[in-house]
Amino acid sequence: MSRRVTNNPELQRFEMRDDGQLTAFVQYRLRGTVVDLLHTETLPGNEGSGYGSELVRATLEDARSRGWQVLPSCPFVRSYIAEHPQFRDLVPREELARFGLDAAS
């Protein structure tokens, strides 16, 4: 298997492909250097294969490399950040409470 995550700015989403087939995506809205991650979806037949978690990790790493701040509007992204506090710093400090990420991890 050859998994790859790419940014598709025309569709405003990060996409996970496995052997060229789309398996999952994270829909976003970008305003300046703030990316609002709106919705994560794993396509039917691909659930339970770790695509969603791998996609979100790669999306957050990409956001970090671009110097973007992240608004985790998507509940899946929010729970991923809660479980992986190394990404908490991507969320603007003043937004942590709104997303339930203000408790010390």
PDB file of N, CA and C in Angstrom:
ATOM      1  N   MET A   1       0.825  -1.186   0.000  1.00  0.00           N
ATOM      2  CA  MET A   1       0.000   0.000   0.000  1.00  0.00           C
ATOM      3  C   MET A   1       0.870   1.251   0.000  1.00  0.00           C
ATOM      4  N   SER A   2       0.429   2.242  -0.732  1.00  0.00           N
ATOM      5  CA  SER A   2       1.155   3.500  -0.819  1.00  0.00           C
ATOM      6  C   SER A   2       0.215   4.642  -0.432  1.00  0.00           C
ATOM      7  N   ARG A   3       0.232   4.997   0.857  1.00  0.00           N
ATOM      8  CA  ARG A   3      -0.634   6.075   1.350  1.00  0.00           C
ATOM      9  C   ARG A   3       0.066   7.414   1.169  1.00  0.00           C
ATOM     10  N   ARG A   4      -0.733   8.396   0.743  1.00  0.00           N
ATOM     11  CA  ARG A   4      -0.174   9.734   0.526  1.00  0.00           C
ATOM     12  C   ARG A   4      -1.230  10.780   0.843  1.00  0.00           C
ATOM     13  N   VAL A   5      -0.814  11.850   1.530  1.00  0.00           N
ATOM     14  CA  VAL A   5      -1.703  12.966   1.844  1.00  0.00           C
ATOM     15  C   VAL A   5      -1.233  14.187   1.062  1.00  0.00           C
ATOM     16  N   THR A   6      -2.182  14.833   0.400  1.00  0.00           N
ATOM     17  CA  THR A   6      -1.871  16.048  -0.351  1.00  0.00           C
ATOM     18  C   THR A   6      -2.932  17.105  -0.061  1.00  0.00           C
ATOM     19  N   ASN A   7      -2.539  18.349  -0.245  1.00  0.00           N
ATOM     20  CA  ASN A   7      -3.459  19.477  -0.120  1.00  0.00           C
ATOM     21  C   ASN A   7      -4.072  19.725  -1.499  1.00  0.00           C
ATOM     22  N   ASN A   8      -5.380  19.781  -1.569  1.00  0.00           N
ATOM     23  CA  ASN A   8      -6.083  20.114  -2.807  1.00  0.00           C
ATOM     24  C   ASN A   8      -6.767  21.468  -2.587  1.00  0.00           C
ATOM     25  N   PRO A   9      -6.039  22.568  -2.811  1.00  0.00           N
ATOM     26  CA  PRO A   9      -6.595  23.895  -2.515  1.00  0.00           C
ATOM     27  C   PRO A   9      -7.827  24.235  -3.350  1.00  0.00           C
ATOM     28  N   GLU A  10      -7.959  23.679  -4.548  1.00  0.00           N
ATOM     29  CA  GLU A  10      -9.128  23.967  -5.372  1.00  0.00           C
ATOM     30  C   GLU A  10     -10.408  23.460  -4.716  1.00  0.00           C
ATOM     31  N   LEU A  11     -10.339  22.303  -4.057  1.00  0.00           N
ATOM     32  CA  LEU A  11     -11.500  21.746  -3.356  1.00  0.00           C
ATOM     33  C   LEU A  11     -11.485  22.088  -1.867  1.00  0.00           C
ATOM     34  N   GLN A  12     -10.460  22.811  -1.428  1.00  0.00           N
ATOM     35  CA  GLN A  12     -10.273  23.188  -0.025  1.00  0.00           C
ATOM     36  C   GLN A  12     -10.349  21.954   0.874  1.00  0.00           C
ATOM     37  N   ARG A  13      -9.459  21.009   0.587  1.00  0.00           N
ATOM     38  CA  ARG A  13      -9.395  19.824   1.424  1.00  0.00           C
ATOM     39  C   ARG A  13      -8.035  19.148   1.303  1.00  0.00           C
ATOM     40  N   PHE A  14      -7.652  18.494   2.394  1.00  0.00           N
ATOM     41  CA  PHE A  14      -6.511  17.601   2.381  1.00  0.00           C
ATOM     42  C   PHE A  14      -7.052  16.224   2.053  1.00  0.00           C
ATOM     43  N   GLU A  15      -6.370  15.505   1.175  1.00  0.00           N
ATOM     44  CA  GLU A  15      -6.848  14.212   0.718  1.00  0.00           C
ATOM     45  C   GLU A  15      -5.847  13.112   1.021  1.00  0.00           C
ATOM     46  N   MET A  16      -6.358  11.970   1.449  1.00  0.00           N
ATOM     47  CA  MET A  16      -5.550  10.762   1.642  1.00  0.00           C
ATOM     48  C   MET A  16      -5.874   9.831   0.479  1.00  0.00           C
ATOM     49  N   ARG A  17      -4.819   9.389  -0.172  1.00  0.00           N
ATOM     50  CA  ARG A  17      -4.968   8.410  -1.250  1.00  0.00           C
ATOM     51  C   ARG A  17      -4.126   7.190  -0.915  1.00  0.00           C
ATOM     52  N   ASP A  18      -4.651   6.052  -1.255  1.00  0.00           N
ATOM     53  CA  ASP A  18      -3.949   4.786  -1.070  1.00  0.00           C
ATOM     54  C   ASP A  18      -3.890   4.125  -2.445  1.00  0.00           C
ATOM     55  N   ASP A  19      -2.671   3.934  -2.941  1.00  0.00           N
ATOM     56  CA  ASP A  19      -2.484   3.425  -4.304  1.00  0.00           C
ATOM     57  C   ASP A  19      -3.298   4.231  -5.317  1.00  0.00           C
ATOM     58  N   GLY A  20      -3.331   5.548  -5.117  1.00  0.00           N
ATOM     59  CA  GLY A  20      -3.996   6.450  -6.042  1.00  0.00           C
ATOM     60  C   GLY A  20      -5.487   6.633  -5.824  1.00  0.00           C
ATOM     61  N   GLN A  21      -6.095   5.802  -4.981  1.00  0.00           N
ATOM     62  CA  GLN A  21      -7.538   5.887  -4.739  1.00  0.00           C
ATOM     63  C   GLN A  21      -7.823   6.778  -3.533  1.00  0.00           C
ATOM     64  N   LEU A  22      -8.751   7.713  -3.686  1.00  0.00           N
ATOM     65  CA  LEU A  22      -9.149   8.581  -2.583  1.00  0.00           C
ATOM     66  C   LEU A  22      -9.803   7.740  -1.493  1.00  0.00           C
ATOM     67  N   THR A  23      -9.292   7.857  -0.251  1.00  0.00           N
ATOM     68  CA  THR A  23      -9.831   7.074   0.866  1.00  0.00           C
ATOM     69  C   THR A  23     -10.447   7.952   1.949  1.00  0.00           C
ATOM     70  N   ALA A  24      -9.960   9.195   2.083  1.00  0.00           N
ATOM     71  CA  ALA A  24     -10.447  10.081   3.147  1.00  0.00           C
ATOM     72  C   ALA A  24     -10.050  11.515   2.807  1.00  0.00           C
ATOM     73  N   PHE A  25     -10.760  12.467   3.436  1.00  0.00           N
ATOM     74  CA  PHE A  25     -10.400  13.868   3.240  1.00  0.00           C
ATOM     75  C   PHE A  25     -10.800  14.688   4.453  1.00  0.00           C
ATOM     76  N   VAL A  26     -10.123  15.840   4.606  1.00  0.00           N
ATOM     77  CA  VAL A  26     -10.454  16.847   5.616  1.00  0.00           C
ATOM     78  C   VAL A  26     -10.792  18.124   4.864  1.00  0.00           C
ATOM     79  N   GLN A  27     -12.045  18.547   4.984  1.00  0.00           N
ATOM     80  CA  GLN A  27     -12.495  19.787   4.351  1.00  0.00           C
ATOM     81  C   GLN A  27     -12.043  20.961   5.221  1.00  0.00           C
ATOM     82  N   TYR A  28     -11.588  22.052   4.603  1.00  0.00           N
ATOM     83  CA  TYR A  28     -11.132  23.211   5.371  1.00  0.00           C
ATOM     84  C   TYR A  28     -11.542  24.520   4.725  1.00  0.00           C
ATOM     85  N   ARG A  29     -11.396  25.586   5.527  1.00  0.00           N
ATOM     86  CA  ARG A  29     -11.547  26.961   5.040  1.00  0.00           C
ATOM     87  C   ARG A  29     -10.314  27.708   5.536  1.00  0.00           C
ATOM     88  N   LEU A  30      -9.608  28.353   4.630  1.00  0.00           N
ATOM     89  CA  LEU A  30      -8.382  29.070   4.966  1.00  0.00           C
ATOM     90  C   LEU A  30      -8.634  30.561   4.881  1.00  0.00           C
ATOM     91  N   ARG A  31      -8.292  31.258   5.993  1.00  0.00           N
ATOM     92  CA  ARG A  31      -8.360  32.721   6.033  1.00  0.00           C
ATOM     93  C   ARG A  31      -7.006  33.216   6.504  1.00  0.00           C
ATOM     94  N   GLY A  32      -6.230  33.742   5.587  1.00  0.00           N
ATOM     95  CA  GLY A  32      -4.884  34.180   5.940  1.00  0.00           C
ATOM     96  C   GLY A  32      -4.045  32.990   6.357  1.00  0.00           C
ATOM     97  N   THR A  33      -3.613  33.001   7.616  1.00  0.00           N
ATOM     98  CA  THR A  33      -2.811  31.887   8.134  1.00  0.00           C
ATOM     99  C   THR A  33      -3.585  31.068   9.166  1.00  0.00           C
ATOM    100  N   VAL A  34      -4.905  31.175   9.132  1.00  0.00           N
ATOM    101  CA  VAL A  34      -5.752  30.383  10.033  1.00  0.00           C
ATOM    102  C   VAL A  34      -6.568  29.419   9.189  1.00  0.00           C
ATOM    103  N   VAL A  35      -6.394  28.129   9.454  1.00  0.00           N
ATOM    104  CA  VAL A  35      -7.137  27.110   8.727  1.00  0.00           C
ATOM    105  C   VAL A  35      -8.180  26.505   9.668  1.00  0.00           C
ATOM    106  N   ASP A  36      -9.432  26.563   9.246  1.00  0.00           N
ATOM    107  CA  ASP A  36     -10.532  25.986  10.003  1.00  0.00           C
ATOM    108  C   ASP A  36     -10.800  24.602   9.413  1.00  0.00           C
ATOM    109  N   LEU A  37     -10.500  23.564  10.195  1.00  0.00           N
ATOM    110  CA  LEU A  37     -10.722  22.188   9.751  1.00  0.00           C
ATOM    111  C   LEU A  37     -12.167  21.831  10.075  1.00  0.00           C
ATOM    112  N   LEU A  38     -12.981  21.721   9.045  1.00  0.00           N
ATOM    113  CA  LEU A  38     -14.437  21.667   9.179  1.00  0.00           C
ATOM    114  C   LEU A  38     -15.018  20.263   9.295  1.00  0.00           C
ATOM    115  N   HIS A  39     -14.487  19.331   8.517  1.00  0.00           N
ATOM    116  CA  HIS A  39     -15.116  18.015   8.426  1.00  0.00           C
ATOM    117  C   HIS A  39     -14.102  16.988   7.942  1.00  0.00           C
ATOM    118  N   THR A  40     -14.062  15.850   8.618  1.00  0.00           N
ATOM    119  CA  THR A  40     -13.230  14.734   8.187  1.00  0.00           C
ATOM    120  C   THR A  40     -14.148  13.612   7.749  1.00  0.00           C
ATOM    121  N   GLU A  41     -13.835  13.033   6.610  1.00  0.00           N
ATOM    122  CA  GLU A  41     -14.665  11.934   6.110  1.00  0.00           C
ATOM    123  C   GLU A  41     -13.784  10.815   5.556  1.00  0.00           C
ATOM    124  N   THR A  42     -14.083   9.608   5.988  1.00  0.00           N
ATOM    125  CA  THR A  42     -13.471   8.414   5.411  1.00  0.00           C
ATOM    126  C   THR A  42     -14.504   7.817   4.478  1.00  0.00           C
ATOM    127  N   LEU A  43     -14.113   7.577   3.253  1.00  0.00           N
ATOM    128  CA  LEU A  43     -15.066   7.085   2.256  1.00  0.00           C
ATOM    129  C   LEU A  43     -15.531   5.671   2.588  1.00  0.00           C
ATOM    130  N   PRO A  44     -16.758   5.332   2.202  1.00  0.00           N
ATOM    131  CA  PRO A  44     -17.312   4.006   2.496  1.00  0.00           C
ATOM    132  C   PRO A  44     -16.360   2.888   2.034  1.00  0.00           C
ATOM    133  N   GLY A  45     -16.250   1.888   2.892  1.00  0.00           N
ATOM    134  CA  GLY A  45     -15.377   0.758   2.607  1.00  0.00           C
ATOM    135  C   GLY A  45     -13.961   0.941   3.117  1.00  0.00           C
ATOM    136  N   ASN A  46     -13.648   2.140   3.604  1.00  0.00           N
ATOM    137  CA  ASN A  46     -12.300   2.427   4.097  1.00  0.00           C
ATOM    138  C   ASN A  46     -12.256   2.671   5.595  1.00  0.00           C
ATOM    139  N   GLU A  47     -13.420   2.583   6.256  1.00  0.00           N
ATOM    140  CA  GLU A  47     -13.482   2.826   7.694  1.00  0.00           C
ATOM    141  C   GLU A  47     -12.684   1.763   8.447  1.00  0.00           C
ATOM    142  N   GLY A  48     -12.118   2.168   9.579  1.00  0.00           N
ATOM    143  CA  GLY A  48     -11.405   1.230  10.436  1.00  0.00           C
ATOM    144  C   GLY A  48     -10.011   0.860   9.962  1.00  0.00           C
ATOM    145  N   SER A  49      -9.517   1.552   8.948  1.00  0.00           N
ATOM    146  CA  SER A  49      -8.187   1.254   8.416  1.00  0.00           C
ATOM    147  C   SER A  49      -7.136   2.263   8.864  1.00  0.00           C
ATOM    148  N   GLY A  50      -7.514   3.186   9.752  1.00  0.00           N
ATOM    149  CA  GLY A  50      -6.581   4.192  10.251  1.00  0.00           C
ATOM    150  C   GLY A  50      -6.389   5.377   9.329  1.00  0.00           C
ATOM    151  N   TYR A  51      -7.146   5.428   8.245  1.00  0.00           N
ATOM    152  CA  TYR A  51      -6.982   6.538   7.303  1.00  0.00           C
ATOM    153  C   TYR A  51      -7.285   7.885   7.945  1.00  0.00           C
ATOM    154  N   GLY A  52      -8.358   7.972   8.717  1.00  0.00           N
ATOM    155  CA  GLY A  52      -8.752   9.237   9.320  1.00  0.00           C
ATOM    156  C   GLY A  52      -7.685   9.800  10.234  1.00  0.00           C
ATOM    157  N   SER A  53      -7.175   8.972  11.139  1.00  0.00           N
ATOM    158  CA  SER A  53      -6.146   9.430  12.076  1.00  0.00           C
ATOM    159  C   SER A  53      -4.859   9.804  11.350  1.00  0.00           C
ATOM    160  N   GLU A  54      -4.455   8.995  10.388  1.00  0.00           N
ATOM    161  CA  GLU A  54      -3.231   9.286   9.638  1.00  0.00           C
ATOM    162  C   GLU A  54      -3.390  10.576   8.836  1.00  0.00           C
ATOM    163  N   LEU A  55      -4.568  10.779   8.269  1.00  0.00           N
ATOM    164  CA  LEU A  55      -4.849  11.989   7.507  1.00  0.00           C
ATOM    165  C   LEU A  55      -4.811  13.224   8.395  1.00  0.00           C
ATOM    166  N   VAL A  56      -5.441  13.155   9.562  1.00  0.00           N
ATOM    167  CA  VAL A  56      -5.464  14.309  10.465  1.00  0.00           C
ATOM    168  C   VAL A  56      -4.052  14.630  10.946  1.00  0.00           C
ATOM    169  N   ARG A  57      -3.272  13.610  11.308  1.00  0.00           N
ATOM    170  CA  ARG A  57      -1.891  13.849  11.723  1.00  0.00           C
ATOM    171  C   ARG A  57      -1.112  14.564  10.626  1.00  0.00           C
ATOM    172  N   ALA A  58      -1.211  14.059   9.394  1.00  0.00           N
ATOM    173  CA  ALA A  58      -0.490  14.674   8.276  1.00  0.00           C
ATOM    174  C   ALA A  58      -0.987  16.091   8.002  1.00  0.00           C
ATOM    175  N   THR A  59      -2.285  16.315   8.141  1.00  0.00           N
ATOM    176  CA  THR A  59      -2.857  17.653   7.943  1.00  0.00           C
ATOM    177  C   THR A  59      -2.308  18.625   8.977  1.00  0.00           C
ATOM    178  N   LEU A  60      -2.261  18.202  10.233  1.00  0.00           N
ATOM    179  CA  LEU A  60      -1.738  19.066  11.300  1.00  0.00           C
ATOM    180  C   LEU A  60      -0.249  19.326  11.113  1.00  0.00           C
ATOM    181  N   GLU A  61       0.499  18.317  10.689  1.00  0.00           N
ATOM    182  CA  GLU A  61       1.927  18.516  10.422  1.00  0.00           C
ATOM    183  C   GLU A  61       2.125  19.493   9.267  1.00  0.00           C
ATOM    184  N   ASP A  62       1.290  19.386   8.239  1.00  0.00           N
ATOM    185  CA  ASP A  62       1.378  20.303   7.107  1.00  0.00           C
ATOM    186  C   ASP A  62       1.051  21.725   7.549  1.00  0.00           C
ATOM    187  N   ALA A  63       0.004  21.873   8.351  1.00  0.00           N
ATOM    188  CA  ALA A  63      -0.359  23.200   8.864  1.00  0.00           C
ATOM    189  C   ALA A  63       0.803  23.800   9.650  1.00  0.00           C
ATOM    190  N   ARG A  64       1.442  22.987  10.492  1.00  0.00           N
ATOM    191  CA  ARG A  64       2.595  23.466  11.263  1.00  0.00           C
ATOM    192  C   ARG A  64       3.719  23.930  10.324  1.00  0.00           C
ATOM    193  N   SER A  65       4.003  23.132   9.298  1.00  0.00           N
ATOM    194  CA  SER A  65       5.105  23.471   8.387  1.00  0.00           C
ATOM    195  C   SER A  65       4.825  24.764   7.612  1.00  0.00           C
ATOM    196  N   ARG A  66       3.559  25.095   7.417  1.00  0.00           N
ATOM    197  CA  ARG A  66       3.176  26.316   6.702  1.00  0.00           C
ATOM    198  C   ARG A  66       3.035  27.521   7.641  1.00  0.00           C
ATOM    199  N   GLY A  67       3.133  27.284   8.949  1.00  0.00           N
ATOM    200  CA  GLY A  67       2.972  28.362   9.917  1.00  0.00           C
ATOM    201  C   GLY A  67       1.522  28.743  10.149  1.00  0.00           C
ATOM    202  N   TRP A  68       0.600  27.816   9.835  1.00  0.00           N
ATOM    203  CA  TRP A  68      -0.816  28.077  10.023  1.00  0.00           C
ATOM    204  C   TRP A  68      -1.245  27.788  11.454  1.00  0.00           C
ATOM    205  N   GLN A  69      -2.258  28.526  11.917  1.00  0.00           N
ATOM    206  CA  GLN A  69      -2.953  28.194  13.151  1.00  0.00           C
ATOM    207  C   GLN A  69      -4.179  27.379  12.755  1.00  0.00           C
ATOM    208  N   VAL A  70      -4.650  26.540  13.681  1.00  0.00           N
ATOM    209  CA  VAL A  70      -5.719  25.594  13.374  1.00  0.00           C
ATOM    210  C   VAL A  70      -6.941  25.840  14.261  1.00  0.00           C
ATOM    211  N   LEU A  71      -8.105  25.875  13.644  1.00  0.00           N
ATOM    212  CA  LEU A  71      -9.374  25.869  14.370  1.00  0.00           C
ATOM    213  C   LEU A  71      -9.981  24.481  14.144  1.00  0.00           C
ATOM    214  N   PRO A  72     -10.042  23.646  15.184  1.00  0.00           N
ATOM    215  CA  PRO A  72     -10.541  22.284  15.017  1.00  0.00           C
ATOM    216  C   PRO A  72     -12.069  22.202  15.146  1.00  0.00           C
ATOM    217  N   SER A  73     -12.785  22.754  14.173  1.00  0.00           N
ATOM    218  CA  SER A  73     -14.245  22.714  14.201  1.00  0.00           C
ATOM    219  C   SER A  73     -14.772  21.289  14.041  1.00  0.00           C
ATOM    220  N   CYS A  74     -14.052  20.465  13.329  1.00  0.00           N
ATOM    221  CA  CYS A  74     -14.437  19.064  13.149  1.00  0.00           C
ATOM    222  C   CYS A  74     -14.232  18.300  14.459  1.00  0.00           C
ATOM    223  N   PRO A  75     -15.262  17.611  14.962  1.00  0.00           N
ATOM    224  CA  PRO A  75     -15.123  16.862  16.216  1.00  0.00           C
ATOM    225  C   PRO A  75     -14.009  15.803  16.176  1.00  0.00           C
ATOM    226  N   PHE A  76     -13.791  15.180  15.026  1.00  0.00           N
ATOM    227  CA  PHE A  76     -12.736  14.168  14.916  1.00  0.00           C
ATOM    228  C   PHE A  76     -11.364  14.812  15.081  1.00  0.00           C
ATOM    229  N   VAL A  77     -11.149  15.947  14.433  1.00  0.00           N
ATOM    230  CA  VAL A  77      -9.878  16.674  14.564  1.00  0.00           C
ATOM    231  C   VAL A  77      -9.691  17.124  16.006  1.00  0.00           C
ATOM    232  N   ARG A  78     -10.762  17.645  16.601  1.00  0.00           N
ATOM    233  CA  ARG A  78     -10.703  18.111  17.994  1.00  0.00           C
ATOM    234  C   ARG A  78     -10.308  16.970  18.931  1.00  0.00           C
ATOM    235  N   SER A  79     -10.911  15.803  18.768  1.00  0.00           N
ATOM    236  CA  SER A  79     -10.573  14.673  19.645  1.00  0.00           C
ATOM    237  C   SER A  79      -9.156  14.178  19.370  1.00  0.00           C
ATOM    238  N   TYR A  80      -8.709  14.262  18.119  1.00  0.00           N
ATOM    239  CA  TYR A  80      -7.329  13.861  17.804  1.00  0.00           C
ATOM    240  C   TYR A  80      -6.344  14.770  18.531  1.00  0.00           C
ATOM    241  N   ILE A  81      -6.597  16.074  18.503  1.00  0.00           N
ATOM    242  CA  ILE A  81      -5.709  17.017  19.191  1.00  0.00           C
ATOM    243  C   ILE A  81      -5.749  16.780  20.700  1.00  0.00           C
ATOM    244  N   ALA A  82      -6.916  16.489  21.247  1.00  0.00           N
ATOM    245  CA  ALA A  82      -7.028  16.209  22.684  1.00  0.00           C
ATOM    246  C   ALA A  82      -6.183  14.996  23.067  1.00  0.00           C
ATOM    247  N   GLU A  83      -6.132  13.998  22.187  1.00  0.00           N
ATOM    248  CA  GLU A  83      -5.359  12.778  22.448  1.00  0.00           C
ATOM    249  C   GLU A  83      -3.883  12.922  22.084  1.00  0.00           C
ATOM    250  N   HIS A  84      -3.534  13.925  21.306  1.00  0.00           N
ATOM    251  CA  HIS A  84      -2.159  14.156  20.858  1.00  0.00           C
ATOM    252  C   HIS A  84      -1.788  15.610  21.159  1.00  0.00           C
ATOM    253  N   PRO A  85      -1.507  15.899  22.433  1.00  0.00           N
ATOM    254  CA  PRO A  85      -1.303  17.297  22.857  1.00  0.00           C
ATOM    255  C   PRO A  85      -0.131  17.998  22.179  1.00  0.00           C
ATOM    256  N   GLN A  86       0.712  17.280  21.477  1.00  0.00           N
ATOM    257  CA  GLN A  86       1.813  17.934  20.767  1.00  0.00           C
ATOM    258  C   GLN A  86       1.300  18.851  19.650  1.00  0.00           C
ATOM    259  N   PHE A  87       0.011  18.734  19.310  1.00  0.00           N
ATOM    260  CA  PHE A  87      -0.584  19.596  18.289  1.00  0.00           C
ATOM    261  C   PHE A  87      -1.420  20.733  18.883  1.00  0.00           C
ATOM    262  N   ARG A  88      -1.572  20.744  20.198  1.00  0.00           N
ATOM    263  CA  ARG A  88      -2.406  21.757  20.860  1.00  0.00           C
ATOM    264  C   ARG A  88      -1.920  23.180  20.599  1.00  0.00           C
ATOM    265  N   ASP A  89      -0.618  23.342  20.442  1.00  0.00           N
ATOM    266  CA  ASP A  89      -0.070  24.682  20.216  1.00  0.00           C
ATOM    267  C   ASP A  89      -0.485  25.276  18.872  1.00  0.00           C
ATOM    268  N   LEU A  90      -1.035  24.467  17.977  1.00  0.00           N
ATOM    269  CA  LEU A  90      -1.505  24.983  16.699  1.00  0.00           C
ATOM    270  C   LEU A  90      -2.813  25.759  16.847  1.00  0.00           C
ATOM    271  N   VAL A  91      -3.560  25.456  17.904  1.00  0.00           N
ATOM    272  CA  VAL A  91      -4.832  26.136  18.160  1.00  0.00           C
ATOM    273  C   VAL A  91      -4.521  27.457  18.867  1.00  0.00           C
ATOM    274  N   PRO A  92      -5.023  28.586  18.353  1.00  0.00           N
ATOM    275  CA  PRO A  92      -4.760  29.855  19.025  1.00  0.00           C
ATOM    276  C   PRO A  92      -5.172  29.792  20.495  1.00  0.00           C
ATOM    277  N   ARG A  93      -4.329  30.293  21.357  1.00  0.00           N
ATOM    278  CA  ARG A  93      -4.557  30.228  22.812  1.00  0.00           C
ATOM    279  C   ARG A  93      -5.962  30.701  23.198  1.00  0.00           C
ATOM    280  N   GLU A  94      -6.414  31.785  22.568  1.00  0.00           N
ATOM    281  CA  GLU A  94      -7.722  32.339  22.909  1.00  0.00           C
ATOM    282  C   GLU A  94      -8.887  31.465  22.421  1.00  0.00           C
ATOM    283  N   GLU A  95      -8.601  30.454  21.623  1.00  0.00           N
ATOM    284  CA  GLU A  95      -9.636  29.554  21.105  1.00  0.00           C
ATOM    285  C   GLU A  95      -9.669  28.198  21.814  1.00  0.00           C
ATOM    286  N   LEU A  96      -8.689  27.927  22.661  1.00  0.00           N
ATOM    287  CA  LEU A  96      -8.600  26.605  23.307  1.00  0.00           C
ATOM    288  C   LEU A  96      -9.856  26.249  24.100  1.00  0.00           C
ATOM    289  N   ALA A  97     -10.380  27.188  24.884  1.00  0.00           N
ATOM    290  CA  ALA A  97     -11.570  26.908  25.709  1.00  0.00           C
ATOM    291  C   ALA A  97     -12.782  26.629  24.821  1.00  0.00           C
ATOM    292  N   ARG A  98     -12.933  27.368  23.754  1.00  0.00           N
ATOM    293  CA  ARG A  98     -14.083  27.176  22.847  1.00  0.00           C
ATOM    294  C   ARG A  98     -14.126  25.761  22.295  1.00  0.00           C
ATOM    295  N   PHE A  99     -12.948  25.160  22.106  1.00  0.00           N
ATOM    296  CA  PHE A  99     -12.886  23.813  21.548  1.00  0.00           C
ATOM    297  C   PHE A  99     -12.666  22.745  22.626  1.00  0.00           C
ATOM    298  N   GLY A 100     -12.744  23.149  23.902  1.00  0.00           N
ATOM    299  CA  GLY A 100     -12.598  22.186  24.993  1.00  0.00           C
ATOM    300  C   GLY A 100     -11.193  21.645  25.131  1.00  0.00           C
ATOM    301  N   LEU A 101     -10.210  22.419  24.706  1.00  0.00           N
ATOM    302  CA  LEU A 101      -8.813  21.984  24.744  1.00  0.00           C
ATOM    303  C   LEU A 101      -7.973  22.772  25.728  1.00  0.00           C
ATOM    304  N   ASP A 102      -8.636  23.487  26.662  1.00  0.00           N
ATOM    305  CA  ASP A 102      -7.914  24.359  27.569  1.00  0.00           C
ATOM    306  C   ASP A 102      -7.394  23.641  28.809  1.00  0.00           C
ATOM    307  N   ALA A 103      -7.864  22.434  29.082  1.00  0.00           N
ATOM    308  CA  ALA A 103      -7.371  21.685  30.259  1.00  0.00           C
ATOM    309  C   ALA A 103      -5.927  21.265  30.009  1.00  0.00           C
ATOM    310  N   ALA A 104      -5.135  21.329  31.053  1.00  0.00           N
ATOM    311  CA  ALA A 104      -3.736  20.914  30.936  1.00  0.00           C
ATOM    312  C   ALA A 104      -3.677  19.450  30.571  1.00  0.00           C
ATOM    313  N   SER A 105      -2.811  19.143  29.623  1.00  0.00           N
ATOM    314  CA  SER A 105      -2.668  17.749  29.158  1.00  0.00           C
ATOM    315  C   SER A 105      -1.416  17.141  29.706  1.00  0.00           C
TER     316      SER A 105
END
